[in-house]
Amino acid sequence: MLNDAQNRKLIGKLKRALEVFEPYVFTKIAQLPYTMYETADRLETVPDATLAAVPETRPTGKTWVVRAVTAGF
C-alpha cells in the first residue's frame, strides 16, 4: 500500500499525464470508404484499381494477421 505522500505524488503524475495526452484524444467524425486488395505476391507497385473494385468487409476491432500475405489499400 502507498502512504499519503506517495498517493499525492501518484495523483499528480496522473493529472500531468492527462494534460500531456489529452490533445491526442480524438473523436470519430466519419467512416471513410476504402478498398483492400489481398495477395500473396509482393506489391512493388500500386495494384490495378479493378483488383479492389469490391470493398472488403472486416469486422470492427478484428486484427488482420495473415502470414505471407500483403494488403494494398
Protein backbone atom coordinates (compact mmCIF):
# COMPACT_ATOMS: atom_id res chain seq x y z
CA MET A 1 0.00 0.00 0.00
CA LEU A 2 1.06 3.56 -0.59
CA ASN A 3 1.21 6.21 2.10
CA ASP A 4 -0.48 9.62 1.76
CA ALA A 5 2.60 11.35 0.32
CA GLN A 6 3.04 8.62 -2.30
CA ASN A 7 -0.68 8.82 -3.20
CA ARG A 8 -0.44 12.61 -3.68
CA LYS A 9 2.65 12.18 -5.87
CA LEU A 10 0.93 9.46 -7.93
CA ILE A 11 -2.21 11.59 -8.40
CA GLY A 12 -0.02 14.49 -9.53
CA LYS A 13 1.68 12.28 -12.11
CA LEU A 14 -1.66 11.01 -13.38
CA LYS A 15 -3.00 14.58 -13.72
CA ARG A 16 0.14 15.54 -15.65
CA ALA A 17 -0.29 12.53 -17.94
CA LEU A 18 -3.86 13.61 -18.68
CA GLU A 19 -2.63 17.12 -19.59
CA VAL A 20 0.07 15.71 -21.87
CA PHE A 21 -2.05 13.13 -23.70
CA GLU A 22 -5.42 14.95 -23.86
CA PRO A 23 -4.57 16.76 -27.14
CA TYR A 24 -4.05 13.35 -28.79
CA VAL A 25 -7.52 12.08 -27.92
CA PHE A 26 -9.86 12.34 -30.88
CA THR A 27 -13.48 11.71 -31.70
CA LYS A 28 -14.62 9.78 -34.73
CA ILE A 29 -16.03 12.16 -37.34
CA ALA A 30 -16.86 9.87 -40.25
CA GLN A 31 -16.34 6.38 -41.62
CA LEU A 32 -14.32 6.63 -44.82
CA PRO A 33 -14.87 4.12 -47.61
CA TYR A 34 -11.87 2.06 -48.64
CA THR A 35 -10.99 -0.92 -50.72
CA MET A 36 -8.47 -3.58 -49.87
CA TYR A 37 -6.68 -6.00 -52.14
CA GLU A 38 -5.02 -9.07 -50.61
CA THR A 39 -2.33 -11.01 -52.39
CA ALA A 40 0.46 -13.44 -51.64
CA ASP A 41 2.53 -11.65 -54.30
CA ARG A 42 4.89 -8.85 -53.45
CA LEU A 43 3.39 -5.41 -54.07
CA GLU A 44 6.17 -3.27 -55.50
CA THR A 45 3.84 -1.01 -57.46
CA VAL A 46 0.30 0.24 -56.97
CA PRO A 47 -2.09 -2.57 -57.97
CA ASP A 48 -4.69 -2.02 -60.68
CA ALA A 49 -7.81 -0.38 -59.22
CA THR A 50 -10.07 -3.07 -60.69
CA LEU A 51 -8.48 -5.66 -58.38
CA ALA A 52 -10.00 -3.87 -55.41
CA ALA A 53 -13.31 -2.97 -57.06
CA VAL A 54 -15.41 -4.71 -54.40
CA PRO A 55 -14.71 -3.34 -50.92
CA GLU A 56 -13.58 -5.91 -48.38
CA THR A 57 -15.58 -6.01 -45.18
CA ARG A 58 -13.77 -6.57 -41.93
CA PRO A 59 -15.37 -6.89 -38.50
CA THR A 60 -14.69 -3.83 -36.37
CA GLY A 61 -11.89 -4.38 -33.93
CA LYS A 62 -10.68 -7.62 -35.51
CA THR A 63 -6.95 -7.79 -36.16
CA TRP A 64 -5.83 -8.68 -39.66
CA VAL A 65 -2.86 -11.04 -39.35
CA VAL A 66 -2.13 -13.38 -42.24
CA ARG A 67 1.29 -14.84 -42.77
CA ALA A 68 2.96 -14.06 -46.11
CA VAL A 69 0.00 -12.05 -47.42
CA THR A 70 0.19 -8.40 -48.44
CA ALA A 71 -2.68 -5.95 -48.45
CA GLY A 72 -2.99 -2.90 -50.66
CA PHE A 73 -5.44 -0.17 -49.63
